[in-house]
């Protein structure tokens, strides 16, 4: 499949791009080079390759939930710029 210059012009129009004639020619040749390379990749025998969704194998990185103590109320409010009745006080947002 080859990309024609008219197709590049059409895509540029859809993307609201103003391309010069040199740019249209450049993008046409670049897109054709990409498609030629993809055709070379299609020639490879990948029947023995297992399908993957990621190039690096992943394992579950979740840890078990553990109950732990929380910070004391006074410690958590030490750096609060404004507090009231043991809570953070923030500006009212409407």
PDB file of N, CA and C in Angstrom:
ATOM      1  N   UNK A   1       0.846  -1.181   0.000  1.00  0.00           N
ATOM      2  CA  UNK A   1       0.000   0.000   0.000  1.00  0.00           C
ATOM      3  C   UNK A   1       0.888   1.240   0.000  1.00  0.00           C
ATOM      4  N   UNK A   2       0.683   2.092  -0.947  1.00  0.00           N
ATOM      5  CA  UNK A   2       1.452   3.325  -1.061  1.00  0.00           C
ATOM      6  C   UNK A   2       0.564   4.516  -0.715  1.00  0.00           C
ATOM      7  N   UNK A   3       1.167   5.480  -0.065  1.00  0.00           N
ATOM      8  CA  UNK A   3       0.467   6.717   0.259  1.00  0.00           C
ATOM      9  C   UNK A   3       0.691   7.690  -0.888  1.00  0.00           C
ATOM     10  N   UNK A   4      -0.387   8.253  -1.383  1.00  0.00           N
ATOM     11  CA  UNK A   4      -0.305   9.238  -2.459  1.00  0.00           C
ATOM     12  C   UNK A   4      -0.294  10.641  -1.864  1.00  0.00           C
ATOM     13  N   UNK A   5       0.185  11.570  -2.638  1.00  0.00           N
ATOM     14  CA  UNK A   5       0.270  12.949  -2.166  1.00  0.00           C
ATOM     15  C   UNK A   5      -1.119  13.508  -1.830  1.00  0.00           C
ATOM     16  N   UNK A   6      -2.124  13.104  -2.576  1.00  0.00           N
ATOM     17  CA  UNK A   6      -3.497  13.552  -2.311  1.00  0.00           C
ATOM     18  C   UNK A   6      -3.985  13.118  -0.942  1.00  0.00           C
ATOM     19  N   UNK A   7      -3.567  11.935  -0.507  1.00  0.00           N
ATOM     20  CA  UNK A   7      -3.962  11.455   0.824  1.00  0.00           C
ATOM     21  C   UNK A   7      -3.298  12.285   1.922  1.00  0.00           C
ATOM     22  N   UNK A   8      -2.060  12.672   1.694  1.00  0.00           N
ATOM     23  CA  UNK A   8      -1.374  13.531   2.665  1.00  0.00           C
ATOM     24  C   UNK A   8      -2.073  14.887   2.729  1.00  0.00           C
ATOM     25  N   UNK A   9      -2.462  15.421   1.583  1.00  0.00           N
ATOM     26  CA  UNK A   9      -3.191  16.690   1.543  1.00  0.00           C
ATOM     27  C   UNK A   9      -4.519  16.568   2.291  1.00  0.00           C
ATOM     28  N   UNK A  10      -5.204  15.451   2.112  1.00  0.00           N
ATOM     29  CA  UNK A  10      -6.495  15.235   2.772  1.00  0.00           C
ATOM     30  C   UNK A  10      -6.327  15.156   4.294  1.00  0.00           C
ATOM     31  N   UNK A  11      -5.332  14.418   4.752  1.00  0.00           N
ATOM     32  CA  UNK A  11      -5.087  14.308   6.196  1.00  0.00           C
ATOM     33  C   UNK A  11      -4.691  15.663   6.767  1.00  0.00           C
ATOM     34  N   UNK A  12      -3.880  16.418   6.032  1.00  0.00           N
ATOM     35  CA  UNK A  12      -3.497  17.759   6.483  1.00  0.00           C
ATOM     36  C   UNK A  12      -4.721  18.658   6.595  1.00  0.00           C
ATOM     37  N   UNK A  13      -5.648  18.540   5.667  1.00  0.00           N
ATOM     38  CA  UNK A  13      -6.875  19.317   5.716  1.00  0.00           C
ATOM     39  C   UNK A  13      -7.700  18.940   6.944  1.00  0.00           C
ATOM     40  N   UNK A  14      -7.835  17.645   7.197  1.00  0.00           N
ATOM     41  CA  UNK A  14      -8.598  17.186   8.363  1.00  0.00           C
ATOM     42  C   UNK A  14      -7.964  17.645   9.668  1.00  0.00           C
ATOM     43  N   UNK A  15      -6.621  17.709   9.700  1.00  0.00           N
ATOM     44  CA  UNK A  15      -5.899  18.120  10.903  1.00  0.00           C
ATOM     45  C   UNK A  15      -5.731  19.634  10.967  1.00  0.00           C
ATOM     46  N   UNK A  16      -6.293  20.331   9.986  1.00  0.00           N
ATOM     47  CA  UNK A  16      -6.187  21.786   9.912  1.00  0.00           C
ATOM     48  C   UNK A  16      -4.728  22.250   9.876  1.00  0.00           C
ATOM     49  N   UNK A  17      -3.923  21.549   9.069  1.00  0.00           N
ATOM     50  CA  UNK A  17      -2.517  21.891   8.899  1.00  0.00           C
ATOM     51  C   UNK A  17      -2.312  22.494   7.515  1.00  0.00           C
ATOM     52  N   UNK A  18      -1.518  23.527   7.461  1.00  0.00           N
ATOM     53  CA  UNK A  18      -1.160  24.111   6.162  1.00  0.00           C
ATOM     54  C   UNK A  18       0.260  23.649   5.856  1.00  0.00           C
ATOM     55  N   UNK A  19       0.370  22.761   4.881  1.00  0.00           N
ATOM     56  CA  UNK A  19       1.668  22.206   4.509  1.00  0.00           C
ATOM     57  C   UNK A  19       2.133  22.814   3.195  1.00  0.00           C
ATOM     58  N   UNK A  20       3.415  23.079   3.125  1.00  0.00           N
ATOM     59  CA  UNK A  20       3.987  23.533   1.854  1.00  0.00           C
ATOM     60  C   UNK A  20       4.121  22.318   0.930  1.00  0.00           C
ATOM     61  N   UNK A  21       4.408  22.565  -0.340  1.00  0.00           N
ATOM     62  CA  UNK A  21       4.575  21.465  -1.288  1.00  0.00           C
ATOM     63  C   UNK A  21       5.750  20.580  -0.898  1.00  0.00           C
ATOM     64  N   UNK A  22       6.807  21.197  -0.386  1.00  0.00           N
ATOM     65  CA  UNK A  22       7.974  20.422   0.047  1.00  0.00           C
ATOM     66  C   UNK A  22       7.622  19.512   1.220  1.00  0.00           C
ATOM     67  N   UNK A  23       6.836  20.050   2.170  1.00  0.00           N
ATOM     68  CA  UNK A  23       6.427  19.238   3.318  1.00  0.00           C
ATOM     69  C   UNK A  23       5.519  18.086   2.894  1.00  0.00           C
ATOM     70  N   UNK A  24       4.613  18.353   1.978  1.00  0.00           N
ATOM     71  CA  UNK A  24       3.734  17.284   1.488  1.00  0.00           C
ATOM     72  C   UNK A  24       4.556  16.178   0.849  1.00  0.00           C
ATOM     73  N   UNK A  25       5.535  16.569   0.029  1.00  0.00           N
ATOM     74  CA  UNK A  25       6.395  15.578  -0.613  1.00  0.00           C
ATOM     75  C   UNK A  25       7.207  14.811   0.426  1.00  0.00           C
ATOM     76  N   UNK A  26       7.732  15.527   1.429  1.00  0.00           N
ATOM     77  CA  UNK A  26       8.533  14.901   2.480  1.00  0.00           C
ATOM     78  C   UNK A  26       7.699  13.899   3.273  1.00  0.00           C
ATOM     79  N   UNK A  27       6.491  14.317   3.692  1.00  0.00           N
ATOM     80  CA  UNK A  27       5.644  13.428   4.480  1.00  0.00           C
ATOM     81  C   UNK A  27       5.174  12.229   3.670  1.00  0.00           C
ATOM     82  N   UNK A  28       4.932  12.431   2.388  1.00  0.00           N
ATOM     83  CA  UNK A  28       4.539  11.310   1.529  1.00  0.00           C
ATOM     84  C   UNK A  28       5.650  10.275   1.477  1.00  0.00           C
ATOM     85  N   UNK A  29       6.890  10.730   1.276  1.00  0.00           N
ATOM     86  CA  UNK A  29       8.006   9.779   1.207  1.00  0.00           C
ATOM     87  C   UNK A  29       8.265   9.130   2.567  1.00  0.00           C
ATOM     88  N   UNK A  30       8.128   9.893   3.655  1.00  0.00           N
ATOM     89  CA  UNK A  30       8.341   9.325   4.992  1.00  0.00           C
ATOM     90  C   UNK A  30       7.278   8.275   5.325  1.00  0.00           C
ATOM     91  N   UNK A  31       6.023   8.562   5.014  1.00  0.00           N
ATOM     92  CA  UNK A  31       4.957   7.591   5.278  1.00  0.00           C
ATOM     93  C   UNK A  31       5.141   6.331   4.445  1.00  0.00           C
ATOM     94  N   UNK A  32       5.563   6.483   3.205  1.00  0.00           N
ATOM     95  CA  UNK A  32       5.818   5.308   2.369  1.00  0.00           C
ATOM     96  C   UNK A  32       6.991   4.493   2.903  1.00  0.00           C
ATOM     97  N   UNK A  33       8.022   5.156   3.435  1.00  0.00           N
ATOM     98  CA  UNK A  33       9.151   4.430   4.033  1.00  0.00           C
ATOM     99  C   UNK A  33       8.694   3.642   5.250  1.00  0.00           C
ATOM    100  N   UNK A  34       7.817   4.230   6.049  1.00  0.00           N
ATOM    101  CA  UNK A  34       7.282   3.533   7.231  1.00  0.00           C
ATOM    102  C   UNK A  34       6.480   2.315   6.810  1.00  0.00           C
ATOM    103  N   UNK A  35       5.632   2.474   5.798  1.00  0.00           N
ATOM    104  CA  UNK A  35       4.817   1.350   5.330  1.00  0.00           C
ATOM    105  C   UNK A  35       5.676   0.259   4.703  1.00  0.00           C
ATOM    106  N   UNK A  36       6.742   0.638   3.992  1.00  0.00           N
ATOM    107  CA  UNK A  36       7.663  -0.361   3.444  1.00  0.00           C
ATOM    108  C   UNK A  36       8.323  -1.157   4.562  1.00  0.00           C
ATOM    109  N   UNK A  37       8.712  -0.488   5.613  1.00  0.00           N
ATOM    110  CA  UNK A  37       9.334  -1.172   6.754  1.00  0.00           C
ATOM    111  C   UNK A  37       8.337  -2.118   7.421  1.00  0.00           C
ATOM    112  N   UNK A  38       7.089  -1.691   7.543  1.00  0.00           N
ATOM    113  CA  UNK A  38       6.063  -2.556   8.135  1.00  0.00           C
ATOM    114  C   UNK A  38       5.856  -3.798   7.270  1.00  0.00           C
ATOM    115  N   UNK A  39       5.952  -3.661   5.963  1.00  0.00           N
ATOM    116  CA  UNK A  39       5.839  -4.826   5.083  1.00  0.00           C
ATOM    117  C   UNK A  39       6.985  -5.799   5.324  1.00  0.00           C
ATOM    118  N   UNK A  40       8.182  -5.286   5.563  1.00  0.00           N
ATOM    119  CA  UNK A  40       9.310  -6.163   5.894  1.00  0.00           C
ATOM    120  C   UNK A  40       9.048  -6.907   7.189  1.00  0.00           C
ATOM    121  N   UNK A  41       8.464  -6.212   8.181  1.00  0.00           N
ATOM    122  CA  UNK A  41       8.147  -6.871   9.445  1.00  0.00           C
ATOM    123  C   UNK A  41       7.073  -7.938   9.260  1.00  0.00           C
ATOM    124  N   UNK A  42       6.144  -7.713   8.338  1.00  0.00           N
ATOM    125  CA  UNK A  42       5.093  -8.698   8.083  1.00  0.00           C
ATOM    126  C   UNK A  42       5.642  -9.982   7.475  1.00  0.00           C
ATOM    127  N   UNK A  43       6.835  -9.939   6.894  1.00  0.00           N
ATOM    128  CA  UNK A  43       7.443 -11.131   6.307  1.00  0.00           C
ATOM    129  C   UNK A  43       8.017 -12.072   7.361  1.00  0.00           C
ATOM    130  N   UNK A  44       8.212 -11.568   8.578  1.00  0.00           N
ATOM    131  CA  UNK A  44       8.783 -12.405   9.637  1.00  0.00           C
ATOM    132  C   UNK A  44       7.800 -13.477  10.077  1.00  0.00           C
ATOM    133  N   UNK A  45       8.330 -14.655  10.417  1.00  0.00           N
ATOM    134  CA  UNK A  45       7.504 -15.732  10.951  1.00  0.00           C
ATOM    135  C   UNK A  45       7.386 -15.544  12.455  1.00  0.00           C
ATOM    136  N   UNK A  46       6.214 -15.174  12.897  1.00  0.00           N
ATOM    137  CA  UNK A  46       5.985 -14.939  14.329  1.00  0.00           C
ATOM    138  C   UNK A  46       5.056 -15.987  14.926  1.00  0.00           C
ATOM    139  N   UNK A  47       4.905 -17.119  14.268  1.00  0.00           N
ATOM    140  CA  UNK A  47       3.975 -18.143  14.755  1.00  0.00           C
ATOM    141  C   UNK A  47       4.424 -18.740  16.092  1.00  0.00           C
ATOM    142  N   UNK A  48       5.728 -18.727  16.373  1.00  0.00           N
ATOM    143  CA  UNK A  48       6.221 -19.299  17.623  1.00  0.00           C
ATOM    144  C   UNK A  48       6.372 -18.249  18.727  1.00  0.00           C
ATOM    145  N   UNK A  49       6.004 -17.019  18.447  1.00  0.00           N
ATOM    146  CA  UNK A  49       6.145 -15.945  19.427  1.00  0.00           C
ATOM    147  C   UNK A  49       4.840 -15.802  20.193  1.00  0.00           C
ATOM    148  N   UNK A  50       4.941 -15.846  21.505  1.00  0.00           N
ATOM    149  CA  UNK A  50       3.755 -15.718  22.341  1.00  0.00           C
ATOM    150  C   UNK A  50       3.287 -14.266  22.344  1.00  0.00           C
ATOM    151  N   UNK A  51       1.991 -14.029  22.155  1.00  0.00           N
ATOM    152  CA  UNK A  51       1.493 -12.646  22.168  1.00  0.00           C
ATOM    153  C   UNK A  51       1.722 -12.011  23.542  1.00  0.00           C
ATOM    154  N   UNK A  52       2.130 -10.763  23.536  1.00  0.00           N
ATOM    155  CA  UNK A  52       2.371 -10.045  24.790  1.00  0.00           C
ATOM    156  C   UNK A  52       1.706  -8.680  24.727  1.00  0.00           C
ATOM    157  N   UNK A  53       1.422  -8.147  25.894  1.00  0.00           N
ATOM    158  CA  UNK A  53       0.891  -6.797  25.949  1.00  0.00           C
ATOM    159  C   UNK A  53       1.954  -5.825  26.424  1.00  0.00           C
ATOM    160  N   UNK A  54       3.072  -6.349  26.890  1.00  0.00           N
ATOM    161  CA  UNK A  54       4.159  -5.511  27.373  1.00  0.00           C
ATOM    162  C   UNK A  54       5.475  -6.230  27.120  1.00  0.00           C
ATOM    163  N   UNK A  55       6.521  -5.495  26.794  1.00  0.00           N
ATOM    164  CA  UNK A  55       7.783  -6.135  26.451  1.00  0.00           C
ATOM    165  C   UNK A  55       8.513  -6.687  27.665  1.00  0.00           C
ATOM    166  N   UNK A  56       8.217  -6.172  28.836  1.00  0.00           N
ATOM    167  CA  UNK A  56       8.848  -6.648  30.063  1.00  0.00           C
ATOM    168  C   UNK A  56       7.803  -7.435  30.837  1.00  0.00           C
ATOM    169  N   UNK A  57       8.169  -8.633  31.278  1.00  0.00           N
ATOM    170  CA  UNK A  57       7.183  -9.424  32.013  1.00  0.00           C
ATOM    171  C   UNK A  57       6.886  -8.766  33.360  1.00  0.00           C
ATOM    172  N   UNK A  58       5.637  -8.798  33.723  1.00  0.00           N
ATOM    173  CA  UNK A  58       5.199  -8.183  34.973  1.00  0.00           C
ATOM    174  C   UNK A  58       4.663  -9.257  35.904  1.00  0.00           C
ATOM    175  N   UNK A  59       4.818  -9.003  37.169  1.00  0.00           N
ATOM    176  CA  UNK A  59       4.133  -9.822  38.155  1.00  0.00           C
ATOM    177  C   UNK A  59       3.379  -8.870  39.065  1.00  0.00           C
ATOM    178  N   UNK A  60       2.457  -9.392  39.801  1.00  0.00           N
ATOM    179  CA  UNK A  60       1.652  -8.554  40.660  1.00  0.00           C
ATOM    180  C   UNK A  60       2.539  -7.917  41.725  1.00  0.00           C
ATOM    181  N   UNK A  61       2.562  -6.611  41.767  1.00  0.00           N
ATOM    182  CA  UNK A  61       3.409  -5.901  42.721  1.00  0.00           C
ATOM    183  C   UNK A  61       2.633  -5.420  43.942  1.00  0.00           C
ATOM    184  N   UNK A  62       1.429  -5.896  44.086  1.00  0.00           N
ATOM    185  CA  UNK A  62       0.606  -5.496  45.238  1.00  0.00           C
ATOM    186  C   UNK A  62       1.125  -6.199  46.488  1.00  0.00           C
ATOM    187  N   UNK A  63       1.036  -5.522  47.592  1.00  0.00           N
ATOM    188  CA  UNK A  63       1.419  -6.129  48.860  1.00  0.00           C
ATOM    189  C   UNK A  63       0.158  -6.454  49.651  1.00  0.00           C
ATOM    190  N   UNK A  64       0.313  -7.285  50.623  1.00  0.00           N
ATOM    191  CA  UNK A  64      -0.818  -7.647  51.473  1.00  0.00           C
ATOM    192  C   UNK A  64      -1.220  -6.443  52.332  1.00  0.00           C
ATOM    193  N   UNK A  65      -2.508  -6.312  52.571  1.00  0.00           N
ATOM    194  CA  UNK A  65      -2.980  -5.263  53.465  1.00  0.00           C
ATOM    195  C   UNK A  65      -2.623  -5.623  54.893  1.00  0.00           C
ATOM    196  N   UNK A  66      -2.052  -4.667  55.588  1.00  0.00           N
ATOM    197  CA  UNK A  66      -1.707  -4.870  56.984  1.00  0.00           C
ATOM    198  C   UNK A  66      -2.256  -3.707  57.796  1.00  0.00           C
ATOM    199  N   UNK A  67      -2.810  -4.032  58.935  1.00  0.00           N
ATOM    200  CA  UNK A  67      -3.323  -2.995  59.821  1.00  0.00           C
ATOM    201  C   UNK A  67      -2.136  -2.407  60.570  1.00  0.00           C
ATOM    202  N   UNK A  68      -1.994  -1.099  60.476  1.00  0.00           N
ATOM    203  CA  UNK A  68      -0.912  -0.405  61.154  1.00  0.00           C
ATOM    204  C   UNK A  68      -1.493   0.772  61.905  1.00  0.00           C
ATOM    205  N   UNK A  69      -0.767   1.222  62.894  1.00  0.00           N
ATOM    206  CA  UNK A  69      -1.210   2.379  63.655  1.00  0.00           C
ATOM    207  C   UNK A  69      -1.095   3.647  62.831  1.00  0.00           C
ATOM    208  N   UNK A  70      -1.935   4.612  63.118  1.00  0.00           N
ATOM    209  CA  UNK A  70      -1.888   5.883  62.395  1.00  0.00           C
ATOM    210  C   UNK A  70      -1.191   6.929  63.258  1.00  0.00           C
ATOM    211  N   UNK A  71      -0.948   8.076  62.666  1.00  0.00           N
ATOM    212  CA  UNK A  71      -0.311   9.158  63.396  1.00  0.00           C
ATOM    213  C   UNK A  71      -1.245   9.681  64.481  1.00  0.00           C
ATOM    214  N   UNK A  72      -0.697  10.079  65.600  1.00  0.00           N
ATOM    215  CA  UNK A  72      -1.547  10.740  66.600  1.00  0.00           C
ATOM    216  C   UNK A  72      -2.079  12.055  66.027  1.00  0.00           C
ATOM    217  N   UNK A  73      -3.213  12.464  66.491  1.00  0.00           N
ATOM    218  CA  UNK A  73      -3.873  13.651  65.954  1.00  0.00           C
ATOM    219  C   UNK A  73      -2.981  14.886  66.070  1.00  0.00           C
ATOM    220  N   UNK A  74      -2.339  15.065  67.199  1.00  0.00           N
ATOM    221  CA  UNK A  74      -1.480  16.237  67.388  1.00  0.00           C
ATOM    222  C   UNK A  74      -0.304  16.236  66.411  1.00  0.00           C
ATOM    223  N   UNK A  75       0.289  15.071  66.163  1.00  0.00           N
ATOM    224  CA  UNK A  75       1.412  14.994  65.225  1.00  0.00           C
ATOM    225  C   UNK A  75       0.982  15.358  63.808  1.00  0.00           C
ATOM    226  N   UNK A  76      -0.194  14.904  63.396  1.00  0.00           N
ATOM    227  CA  UNK A  76      -0.655  15.191  62.036  1.00  0.00           C
ATOM    228  C   UNK A  76      -1.029  16.655  61.869  1.00  0.00           C
ATOM    229  N   UNK A  77      -1.392  17.338  62.937  1.00  0.00           N
ATOM    230  CA  UNK A  77      -1.782  18.736  62.848  1.00  0.00           C
ATOM    231  C   UNK A  77      -0.647  19.706  63.166  1.00  0.00           C
ATOM    232  N   UNK A  78       0.551  19.192  63.465  1.00  0.00           N
ATOM    233  CA  UNK A  78       1.659  20.056  63.855  1.00  0.00           C
ATOM    234  C   UNK A  78       1.962  21.142  62.821  1.00  0.00           C
ATOM    235  N   UNK A  79       1.996  20.805  61.564  1.00  0.00           N
ATOM    236  CA  UNK A  79       2.364  21.759  60.520  1.00  0.00           C
ATOM    237  C   UNK A  79       1.170  22.393  59.820  1.00  0.00           C
ATOM    238  N   UNK A  80      -0.012  22.189  60.335  1.00  0.00           N
ATOM    239  CA  UNK A  80      -1.206  22.753  59.711  1.00  0.00           C
ATOM    240  C   UNK A  80      -1.183  24.275  59.860  1.00  0.00           C
ATOM    241  N   UNK A  81      -1.401  25.013  58.784  1.00  0.00           N
ATOM    242  CA  UNK A  81      -1.397  26.470  58.892  1.00  0.00           C
ATOM    243  C   UNK A  81      -2.580  26.997  59.702  1.00  0.00           C
ATOM    244  N   UNK A  82      -3.672  26.253  59.688  1.00  0.00           N
ATOM    245  CA  UNK A  82      -4.854  26.677  60.441  1.00  0.00           C
ATOM    246  C   UNK A  82      -5.604  25.421  60.869  1.00  0.00           C
ATOM    247  N   UNK A  83      -5.990  25.360  62.119  1.00  0.00           N
ATOM    248  CA  UNK A  83      -6.755  24.212  62.606  1.00  0.00           C
ATOM    249  C   UNK A  83      -7.807  24.678  63.590  1.00  0.00           C
ATOM    250  N   UNK A  84      -8.855  23.855  63.710  1.00  0.00           N
ATOM    251  CA  UNK A  84      -9.961  24.174  64.612  1.00  0.00           C
ATOM    252  C   UNK A  84     -10.572  22.877  65.104  1.00  0.00           C
ATOM    253  N   UNK A  85     -10.743  22.741  66.373  1.00  0.00           N
ATOM    254  CA  UNK A  85     -11.393  21.597  67.010  1.00  0.00           C
ATOM    255  C   UNK A  85     -10.753  20.279  66.590  1.00  0.00           C
ATOM    256  N   UNK A  86      -9.417  20.238  66.511  1.00  0.00           N
ATOM    257  CA  UNK A  86      -8.705  19.016  66.188  1.00  0.00           C
ATOM    258  C   UNK A  86      -8.768  18.606  64.725  1.00  0.00           C
ATOM    259  N   UNK A  87      -9.107  19.542  63.824  1.00  0.00           N
ATOM    260  CA  UNK A  87      -9.214  19.253  62.390  1.00  0.00           C
ATOM    261  C   UNK A  87      -8.444  20.303  61.594  1.00  0.00           C
ATOM    262  N   UNK A  88      -8.109  19.967  60.354  1.00  0.00           N
ATOM    263  CA  UNK A  88      -7.541  20.954  59.452  1.00  0.00           C
ATOM    264  C   UNK A  88      -8.629  21.949  59.088  1.00  0.00           C
ATOM    265  N   UNK A  89      -8.293  23.221  59.110  1.00  0.00           N
ATOM    266  CA  UNK A  89      -9.267  24.243  58.711  1.00  0.00           C
ATOM    267  C   UNK A  89      -8.834  24.770  57.347  1.00  0.00           C
ATOM    268  N   UNK A  90      -9.752  24.700  56.392  1.00  0.00           N
ATOM    269  CA  UNK A  90      -9.452  25.123  55.010  1.00  0.00           C
ATOM    270  C   UNK A  90     -10.472  26.171  54.588  1.00  0.00           C
ATOM    271  N   UNK A  91     -10.135  26.947  53.541  1.00  0.00           N
ATOM    272  CA  UNK A  91     -11.090  27.951  53.063  1.00  0.00           C
ATOM    273  C   UNK A  91     -12.335  27.291  52.484  1.00  0.00           C
ATOM    274  N   UNK A  92     -13.451  27.961  52.675  1.00  0.00           N
ATOM    275  CA  UNK A  92     -14.707  27.471  52.137  1.00  0.00           C
ATOM    276  C   UNK A  92     -14.727  27.679  50.626  1.00  0.00           C
ATOM    277  N   UNK A  93     -15.084  26.628  49.892  1.00  0.00           N
ATOM    278  CA  UNK A  93     -15.151  26.690  48.438  1.00  0.00           C
ATOM    279  C   UNK A  93     -16.577  26.455  47.995  1.00  0.00           C
ATOM    280  N   UNK A  94     -17.084  27.386  47.248  1.00  0.00           N
ATOM    281  CA  UNK A  94     -18.479  27.268  46.789  1.00  0.00           C
ATOM    282  C   UNK A  94     -18.490  27.102  45.296  1.00  0.00           C
TER     283      UNK A  94
END
